[in-house]
């Protein structure tokens, strides 16, 4: 896409780049330097690191590689803010990102400003391949906007004062609709992102998949239904759990979704709040999702079943993060359900999969081992970032994201 070309919403590439970069800064606006430096656990990253890493991506893969004469803001920072790109050399250890007290938050903001100005100056003269990388960088930063929110939630949850990131500013949640079973499609179906338009490399090539008779739930599992699972001893019944899941549960002493407290309340970006029984359950891992499905006499859908059921619902799902106003899942979140939904599908390459050329080819393909696919979007997903072909993925125990459950069953 050239600089002057527009997407389906009529926004040029330059406009979308600027608005995406501004959104990340807006998300960071409530944070102090101390808030932004903390790493609550090895899977999460400090807010400052998200601000810096997304800037490193643009400076490295666009400005350094495609703008003659561009000089890096600070050559040392590439070591600090590279994430996992082996092609870019050595990097700071992921579990120790919280030790980076320097550069300061203000220094990172200044760096972002310099890179943003350089990007806008460069856009009219960038070759097609570089413009494709700008598009990738926009979607990469949108992923980090969601990670930013989930990671700051994990950060504040570690503080005994339970600080709120933002106020809860929304209308009362809707009541959950009565669960119904939808007959799924059968036979050969087309799966994956079509040609044209943006998609990550792991969403292609589009191909055929065979679906057997099945049904899929009309909505996601609610907090109220999960409480029934808890009350019925679901976390104490080894027959419901995969072996690895039971080992994880007993080792970590897990008795409820992450951030639930024993007083009928949960920790959220708005602080501790009453659990909404009608809202979709969130912050549960694959092991928990699988155990709940077995308890409910059902199973998790495959990613193909999910995509075939909801493939007509494309971009536009997700939330406009104008600083989010304390993100929380709520009932009535549409077919995507307001939470990422675990499937029983392992994150593996599609037939004929080819990663992107160059170092950015490490973006997805290298993680196709030990991960499970999630479909849909969450309450923290930026608007326009979701589509039916999207393949999110995490290891089975992961639950600090807004991850939930939609059931399926054989017909």
Protein backbone atom coordinates (compact mmCIF):
# COMPACT_ATOMS: atom_id res chain seq x y z
CA UNK A 1 0.00 0.00 0.00
CA UNK A 2 1.47 3.35 -1.03
CA UNK A 3 1.39 6.35 1.30
CA UNK A 4 -1.59 7.93 -0.48
CA UNK A 5 -3.62 4.74 -0.72
CA UNK A 6 -6.38 4.19 1.80
CA UNK A 7 -7.78 1.21 3.64
CA UNK A 8 -11.47 0.32 3.80
CA UNK A 9 -12.04 3.09 6.37
CA UNK A 10 -10.59 5.71 4.06
CA UNK A 11 -7.48 6.37 6.14
CA UNK A 12 -4.10 6.64 4.45
CA UNK A 13 -1.19 4.54 5.61
CA UNK A 14 0.42 7.63 7.12
CA UNK A 15 -2.74 8.53 9.02
CA UNK A 16 -3.12 5.01 10.39
CA UNK A 17 0.53 4.92 11.40
CA UNK A 18 0.18 8.22 13.24
CA UNK A 19 -3.06 7.27 15.00
CA UNK A 20 -1.66 3.89 16.07
CA UNK A 21 1.48 5.43 17.48
CA UNK A 22 -0.56 8.10 19.28
CA UNK A 23 -2.84 5.46 20.78
CA UNK A 24 0.09 3.70 22.45
CA UNK A 25 1.20 6.98 24.01
CA UNK A 26 -2.36 7.62 25.22
CA UNK A 27 -2.44 4.22 26.90
CA UNK A 28 0.76 5.10 28.75
CA UNK A 29 -0.43 8.56 29.81
CA UNK A 30 -1.68 7.54 33.32
CA UNK A 31 1.60 5.84 34.26
CA UNK A 32 4.53 7.08 36.27
CA UNK A 33 8.07 6.11 35.39
CA UNK A 34 7.96 3.57 38.22
CA UNK A 35 4.65 2.10 36.99
CA UNK A 36 6.11 1.70 33.50
CA UNK A 37 9.31 -0.04 34.62
CA UNK A 38 7.86 -3.01 36.54
CA UNK A 39 7.76 -6.54 35.11
CA UNK A 40 5.23 -8.60 37.07
CA UNK A 41 6.29 -11.99 35.67
CA UNK A 42 8.52 -13.33 32.86
CA UNK A 43 5.67 -13.61 30.33
CA UNK A 44 4.69 -9.95 30.76
CA UNK A 45 6.75 -6.90 29.85
CA UNK A 46 7.04 -3.45 31.42
CA UNK A 47 4.93 -0.73 29.84
CA UNK A 48 8.08 1.24 29.00
CA UNK A 49 9.48 -1.77 27.18
CA UNK A 50 6.34 -1.97 24.98
CA UNK A 51 6.74 1.71 24.09
CA UNK A 52 10.39 1.14 23.24
CA UNK A 53 10.14 -2.19 21.45
CA UNK A 54 7.47 -0.99 19.01
CA UNK A 55 9.71 2.00 18.25
CA UNK A 56 12.72 -0.26 17.79
CA UNK A 57 10.69 -2.27 15.25
CA UNK A 58 10.05 0.77 13.04
CA UNK A 59 13.53 2.22 13.46
CA UNK A 60 15.20 -1.10 12.66
CA UNK A 61 13.15 -2.59 9.83
CA UNK A 62 12.11 0.62 8.06
CA UNK A 63 14.36 3.57 8.88
CA UNK A 64 17.67 1.76 9.28
CA UNK A 65 17.12 -0.62 6.36
CA UNK A 66 15.31 1.64 3.87
CA UNK A 67 16.23 5.28 4.54
CA UNK A 68 19.73 6.16 3.27
CA UNK A 69 21.79 8.08 5.80
CA UNK A 70 19.49 7.40 8.75
CA UNK A 71 21.38 7.22 12.04
CA UNK A 72 20.07 5.24 14.99
CA UNK A 73 18.97 7.30 17.98
CA UNK A 74 21.17 5.17 20.25
CA UNK A 75 22.94 2.09 18.93
CA UNK A 76 22.93 0.50 22.41
CA UNK A 77 19.14 0.41 22.60
CA UNK A 78 18.83 -2.28 19.94
CA UNK A 79 20.25 -4.74 22.48
CA UNK A 80 17.71 -3.63 25.09
CA UNK A 81 14.56 -3.63 22.99
CA UNK A 82 14.90 -6.46 20.47
CA UNK A 83 12.38 -9.09 21.51
CA UNK A 84 13.22 -12.44 19.93
CA UNK A 85 14.70 -11.74 16.49
CA UNK A 86 17.82 -13.90 16.31
CA UNK A 87 18.69 -12.27 13.00
CA UNK A 88 19.23 -9.00 14.87
CA UNK A 89 21.80 -10.48 17.21
CA UNK A 90 22.17 -10.60 20.98
CA UNK A 91 19.51 -9.04 23.22
CA UNK A 92 18.63 -8.41 26.84
CA UNK A 93 17.10 -11.45 28.57
CA UNK A 94 13.30 -11.39 28.47
CA UNK A 95 12.77 -12.22 32.20
CA UNK A 96 15.00 -9.25 33.13
CA UNK A 97 13.23 -6.48 31.21
CA UNK A 98 12.03 -5.11 34.53
CA UNK A 99 15.63 -4.29 35.47
CA UNK A 100 15.86 -1.56 32.81
CA UNK A 101 15.50 1.55 34.95
CA UNK A 102 17.29 3.44 32.16
CA UNK A 103 16.50 4.83 29.66
CA UNK A 104 13.78 6.77 31.44
CA UNK A 105 10.15 6.84 30.32
CA UNK A 106 10.61 10.42 29.09
CA UNK A 107 13.67 9.38 27.08
CA UNK A 108 11.68 6.64 25.40
CA UNK A 109 8.90 9.11 24.59
CA UNK A 110 11.46 11.46 23.01
CA UNK A 111 12.83 8.58 20.94
CA UNK A 112 9.32 7.71 19.77
CA UNK A 113 8.77 11.29 18.68
CA UNK A 114 11.99 11.37 16.64
CA UNK A 115 11.19 8.05 14.97
CA UNK A 116 7.62 9.11 14.21
CA UNK A 117 8.81 12.30 12.51
CA UNK A 118 11.38 10.36 10.50
CA UNK A 119 8.77 7.80 9.43
CA UNK A 120 6.35 10.44 8.17
CA UNK A 121 9.14 12.17 6.22
CA UNK A 122 10.23 8.88 4.70
CA UNK A 123 6.84 7.45 3.72
CA UNK A 124 6.48 9.20 0.31
CA UNK A 125 9.76 7.72 -0.91
CA UNK A 126 9.68 4.23 0.57
CA UNK A 127 9.69 1.24 -1.82
CA UNK A 128 6.78 -1.18 -1.86
CA UNK A 129 8.58 -3.71 0.33
CA UNK A 130 9.20 -1.12 3.03
CA UNK A 131 5.57 0.05 2.91
CA UNK A 132 4.54 -3.56 3.50
CA UNK A 133 6.74 -3.54 6.60
CA UNK A 134 5.10 -0.32 7.79
CA UNK A 135 1.74 -2.10 7.53
CA UNK A 136 3.14 -5.03 9.50
CA UNK A 137 4.52 -2.60 12.08
CA UNK A 138 1.09 -1.01 12.58
CA UNK A 139 -0.51 -4.39 13.30
CA UNK A 140 2.46 -5.39 15.45
CA UNK A 141 1.98 -2.24 17.55
CA UNK A 142 -1.74 -2.97 17.89
CA UNK A 143 -0.82 -6.35 19.34
CA UNK A 144 1.40 -4.59 21.84
CA UNK A 145 -1.42 -2.21 22.78
CA UNK A 146 -3.40 -5.22 23.97
CA UNK A 147 -0.35 -6.66 25.69
CA UNK A 148 0.23 -3.26 27.30
CA UNK A 149 -3.18 -3.41 28.99
CA UNK A 150 -2.94 -7.01 30.12
CA UNK A 151 0.60 -6.48 31.39
CA UNK A 152 -0.26 -3.35 33.37
CA UNK A 153 -3.20 -5.27 34.86
CA UNK A 154 -0.74 -7.96 35.97
CA UNK A 155 1.58 -5.25 37.30
CA UNK A 156 -1.04 -3.49 39.41
CA UNK A 157 -2.39 -6.83 40.65
CA UNK A 158 0.97 -7.37 42.39
CA UNK A 159 0.56 -4.19 44.43
CA UNK A 160 -1.21 -4.72 47.79
CA UNK A 161 -2.81 -1.27 47.35
CA UNK A 162 -4.55 -2.62 44.21
CA UNK A 163 -4.29 0.65 42.27
CA UNK A 164 -6.70 1.32 39.41
CA UNK A 165 -5.31 2.03 35.97
CA UNK A 166 -8.46 3.93 35.04
CA UNK A 167 -12.03 4.44 36.18
CA UNK A 168 -14.91 2.17 35.20
CA UNK A 169 -16.85 4.34 32.79
CA UNK A 170 -19.48 2.31 31.00
CA UNK A 171 -23.14 1.42 31.20
CA UNK A 172 -24.21 -1.61 33.27
CA UNK A 173 -23.37 -4.89 31.55
CA UNK A 174 -25.99 -6.69 29.52
CA UNK A 175 -27.57 -9.95 30.61
CA UNK A 176 -26.15 -13.07 29.04
CA UNK A 177 -28.36 -14.57 26.38
CA UNK A 178 -29.59 -18.10 26.92
CA UNK A 179 -27.03 -20.53 25.54
CA UNK A 180 -28.08 -22.17 22.29
CA UNK A 181 -26.32 -24.71 20.12
CA UNK A 182 -25.67 -23.72 16.51
CA UNK A 183 -25.32 -26.44 13.89
CA UNK A 184 -21.84 -26.09 12.45
CA UNK A 185 -20.93 -26.32 8.82
CA UNK A 186 -20.04 -29.75 7.46
CA UNK A 187 -17.87 -31.04 4.65
CA UNK A 188 -15.11 -29.10 2.93
CA UNK A 189 -14.76 -25.45 3.89
CA UNK A 190 -12.31 -22.69 2.98
CA UNK A 191 -10.10 -21.61 5.88
CA UNK A 192 -7.53 -18.85 6.24
CA UNK A 193 -7.12 -15.28 5.08
CA UNK A 194 -7.94 -14.61 1.42
CA UNK A 195 -5.45 -12.95 -0.88
CA UNK A 196 -5.46 -9.18 -0.68
CA UNK A 197 -5.58 -7.07 2.45
CA UNK A 198 -3.39 -7.48 5.49
CA UNK A 199 -3.01 -10.75 7.37
CA UNK A 200 -0.14 -12.25 9.32
CA UNK A 201 1.79 -14.94 7.46
CA UNK A 202 0.44 -17.70 9.73
CA UNK A 203 -3.13 -17.00 8.49
CA UNK A 204 -2.21 -18.15 4.97
CA UNK A 205 -2.42 -19.79 2.56
CA UNK A 206 -6.17 -20.17 2.35
CA UNK A 207 -6.95 -23.86 2.07
CA UNK A 208 -9.66 -26.48 2.47
CA UNK A 209 -10.50 -28.29 5.69
CA UNK A 210 -12.95 -31.12 6.35
CA UNK A 211 -15.53 -30.56 9.09
CA UNK A 212 -17.52 -33.36 10.68
CA UNK A 213 -21.03 -32.87 12.14
CA UNK A 214 -20.83 -30.65 15.21
CA UNK A 215 -22.52 -27.86 17.12
CA UNK A 216 -21.00 -24.70 18.55
CA UNK A 217 -22.25 -22.58 21.44
CA UNK A 218 -23.97 -19.29 20.64
CA UNK A 219 -21.96 -17.44 23.29
CA UNK A 220 -19.00 -17.79 25.60
CA UNK A 221 -19.04 -19.40 29.04
CA UNK A 222 -20.00 -16.88 31.73
CA UNK A 223 -18.56 -16.13 35.16
CA UNK A 224 -21.74 -17.52 36.70
CA UNK A 225 -21.33 -20.82 34.89
CA UNK A 226 -17.69 -20.96 35.91
CA UNK A 227 -18.69 -20.47 39.53
CA UNK A 228 -20.90 -23.56 39.20
CA UNK A 229 -17.86 -25.47 37.94
CA UNK A 230 -15.92 -24.32 41.02
CA UNK A 231 -18.79 -25.14 43.41
CA UNK A 232 -19.06 -28.63 41.90
CA UNK A 233 -15.41 -29.33 42.70
CA UNK A 234 -14.10 -28.80 39.16
CA UNK A 235 -10.67 -27.74 40.39
CA UNK A 236 -10.48 -30.78 42.68
CA UNK A 237 -11.48 -33.55 40.22
CA UNK A 238 -8.43 -35.07 38.49
CA UNK A 239 -10.65 -37.01 36.07
CA UNK A 240 -11.57 -33.72 34.36
CA UNK A 241 -8.00 -32.67 33.72
CA UNK A 242 -5.28 -33.49 31.24
CA UNK A 243 -2.24 -34.94 32.97
CA UNK A 244 -0.09 -31.87 32.32
CA UNK A 245 -2.98 -29.67 33.40
CA UNK A 246 -3.43 -31.49 36.71
CA UNK A 247 0.30 -31.26 37.38
CA UNK A 248 0.15 -27.52 36.69
CA UNK A 249 -2.95 -27.03 38.86
CA UNK A 250 -1.51 -28.84 41.86
CA UNK A 251 1.92 -27.25 41.50
CA UNK A 252 0.50 -23.71 41.26
CA UNK A 253 -2.41 -24.34 43.67
CA UNK A 254 -4.95 -22.95 41.18
CA UNK A 255 -8.55 -22.80 42.46
CA UNK A 256 -10.20 -20.15 40.25
CA UNK A 257 -9.58 -17.86 37.27
CA UNK A 258 -6.69 -15.46 37.61
CA UNK A 259 -7.56 -12.25 39.52
CA UNK A 260 -10.59 -13.78 41.26
CA UNK A 261 -10.73 -13.29 45.02
CA UNK A 262 -12.71 -15.31 47.52
CA UNK A 263 -15.08 -12.44 48.28
CA UNK A 264 -17.04 -12.55 45.02
CA UNK A 265 -14.81 -9.89 43.52
CA UNK A 266 -12.02 -9.78 40.96
CA UNK A 267 -9.13 -7.44 40.29
CA UNK A 268 -9.56 -5.38 37.11
CA UNK A 269 -8.04 -2.34 35.47
CA UNK A 270 -10.58 -0.37 37.54
CA UNK A 271 -9.42 -1.98 40.77
CA UNK A 272 -11.31 -4.68 42.67
CA UNK A 273 -14.84 -5.08 41.33
CA UNK A 274 -17.77 -7.42 41.88
CA UNK A 275 -17.72 -10.37 39.50
CA UNK A 276 -20.44 -9.97 36.86
CA UNK A 277 -22.12 -13.38 36.62
CA UNK A 278 -23.36 -12.64 33.08
CA UNK A 279 -20.02 -11.52 31.65
CA UNK A 280 -17.80 -14.05 29.86
CA UNK A 281 -15.23 -15.65 32.10
CA UNK A 282 -11.72 -14.38 31.41
CA UNK A 283 -8.15 -15.11 32.47
CA UNK A 284 -8.44 -18.89 32.22
CA UNK A 285 -5.83 -21.05 30.51
CA UNK A 286 -6.20 -23.87 28.04
CA UNK A 287 -5.98 -26.51 30.75
CA UNK A 288 -8.86 -24.89 32.62
CA UNK A 289 -10.89 -24.43 29.42
CA UNK A 290 -10.46 -28.09 28.51
CA UNK A 291 -11.42 -29.26 32.02
CA UNK A 292 -14.52 -27.04 32.06
CA UNK A 293 -15.60 -28.36 28.67
CA UNK A 294 -15.29 -31.95 29.90
CA UNK A 295 -17.28 -31.08 33.06
CA UNK A 296 -19.99 -29.50 30.87
CA UNK A 297 -20.29 -32.60 28.68
CA UNK A 298 -18.81 -30.77 25.71
CA UNK A 299 -15.43 -29.99 24.18
CA UNK A 300 -13.51 -27.05 22.79
CA UNK A 301 -14.04 -26.23 19.11
CA UNK A 302 -11.30 -26.68 16.57
CA UNK A 303 -10.02 -23.48 15.02
CA UNK A 304 -11.58 -24.59 11.73
CA UNK A 305 -15.01 -25.06 13.32
CA UNK A 306 -14.76 -21.64 14.95
CA UNK A 307 -13.69 -19.86 11.77
CA UNK A 308 -16.33 -21.59 9.66
CA UNK A 309 -19.02 -20.53 12.15
CA UNK A 310 -17.99 -16.88 12.43
CA UNK A 311 -16.15 -16.22 9.19
CA UNK A 312 -18.62 -13.56 8.06
CA UNK A 313 -17.67 -11.34 11.00
CA UNK A 314 -14.55 -9.48 9.99
CA UNK A 315 -12.66 -6.37 11.08
CA UNK A 316 -14.47 -3.92 13.28
CA UNK A 317 -14.75 -6.15 16.32
CA UNK A 318 -12.77 -5.13 19.37
CA UNK A 319 -12.73 -1.90 21.31
CA UNK A 320 -11.63 1.60 20.48
CA UNK A 321 -8.92 2.15 23.03
CA UNK A 322 -9.14 5.86 23.74
CA UNK A 323 -7.42 4.83 26.95
CA UNK A 324 -9.86 2.02 27.39
CA UNK A 325 -11.80 3.30 30.39
CA UNK A 326 -10.98 0.22 32.49
CA UNK A 327 -11.34 -2.69 30.12
CA UNK A 328 -13.62 -5.49 31.29
CA UNK A 329 -15.36 -8.23 29.31
CA UNK A 330 -19.11 -7.86 29.26
CA UNK A 331 -22.08 -9.88 28.05
CA UNK A 332 -23.36 -9.15 24.57
CA UNK A 333 -19.88 -8.86 23.09
CA UNK A 334 -21.04 -10.22 19.73
CA UNK A 335 -19.89 -13.43 18.05
CA UNK A 336 -16.30 -12.73 18.98
CA UNK A 337 -17.37 -12.83 22.60
CA UNK A 338 -15.24 -10.07 24.23
CA UNK A 339 -12.59 -12.66 25.18
CA UNK A 340 -10.11 -14.66 23.14
CA UNK A 341 -11.46 -18.20 22.89
CA UNK A 342 -9.33 -21.29 23.33
CA UNK A 343 -9.60 -23.96 20.66
CA UNK A 344 -8.39 -27.55 20.77
CA UNK A 345 -6.10 -26.83 17.79
CA UNK A 346 -2.35 -26.68 18.13
CA UNK A 347 -0.65 -23.69 16.51
CA UNK A 348 0.87 -25.37 13.46
CA UNK A 349 1.59 -24.24 9.89
CA UNK A 350 -1.14 -24.37 7.27
CA UNK A 351 -0.40 -26.52 4.19
CA UNK A 352 2.03 -24.56 2.04
CA UNK A 353 2.88 -22.03 4.76
CA UNK A 354 5.83 -19.77 4.02
CA UNK A 355 7.11 -17.26 6.56
CA UNK A 356 7.83 -13.69 5.53
CA UNK A 357 11.24 -13.18 3.98
CA UNK A 358 14.04 -11.81 6.10
CA UNK A 359 14.32 -11.40 9.84
CA UNK A 360 10.62 -10.50 10.19
CA UNK A 361 9.96 -14.09 9.13
CA UNK A 362 10.71 -14.99 12.77
CA UNK A 363 7.46 -13.26 13.74
CA UNK A 364 5.19 -16.34 13.87
CA UNK A 365 6.63 -19.50 12.35
CA UNK A 366 9.31 -20.09 15.00
CA UNK A 367 6.59 -20.40 17.66
CA UNK A 368 4.72 -23.29 16.03
CA UNK A 369 5.46 -25.69 18.87
CA UNK A 370 3.76 -26.07 22.25
CA UNK A 371 1.15 -23.37 21.60
CA UNK A 372 -2.64 -23.56 21.26
CA UNK A 373 -4.74 -21.40 18.92
CA UNK A 374 -7.23 -18.84 20.23
CA UNK A 375 -9.83 -17.21 18.00
CA UNK A 376 -11.86 -14.03 18.08
CA UNK A 377 -10.84 -10.88 19.95
CA UNK A 378 -11.03 -9.48 23.45
CA UNK A 379 -12.22 -6.36 25.21
CA UNK A 380 -8.60 -5.14 25.03
CA UNK A 381 -8.20 -5.69 21.28
CA UNK A 382 -7.94 -2.45 19.28
CA UNK A 383 -10.83 -1.88 16.89
CA UNK A 384 -10.08 -3.14 13.40
CA UNK A 385 -7.39 -5.55 14.57
CA UNK A 386 -9.62 -8.63 14.64
CA UNK A 387 -10.79 -10.91 11.84
CA UNK A 388 -12.11 -14.45 11.64
CA UNK A 389 -8.87 -15.79 10.19
CA UNK A 390 -6.76 -14.33 13.04
CA UNK A 391 -4.72 -16.97 14.90
CA UNK A 392 -3.72 -15.86 18.37
CA UNK A 393 -1.62 -18.38 20.29
CA UNK A 394 -0.32 -19.02 23.80
CA UNK A 395 1.05 -21.98 25.79
CA UNK A 396 -1.61 -24.02 27.66
CA UNK A 397 -1.03 -22.56 31.16
CA UNK A 398 -1.18 -18.91 30.03
CA UNK A 399 -4.04 -16.91 31.50
CA UNK A 400 -2.96 -13.33 32.10
CA UNK A 401 -4.59 -12.37 28.79
CA UNK A 402 -8.36 -11.90 28.38
CA UNK A 403 -8.81 -15.56 27.43
CA UNK A 404 -12.12 -17.42 27.76
CA UNK A 405 -14.15 -20.35 26.51
CA UNK A 406 -16.72 -21.15 23.85
CA UNK A 407 -17.98 -24.74 23.88
CA UNK A 408 -18.59 -27.18 21.05
CA UNK A 409 -19.91 -30.72 20.85
CA UNK A 410 -20.12 -33.52 18.32
CA UNK A 411 -23.47 -33.82 16.58
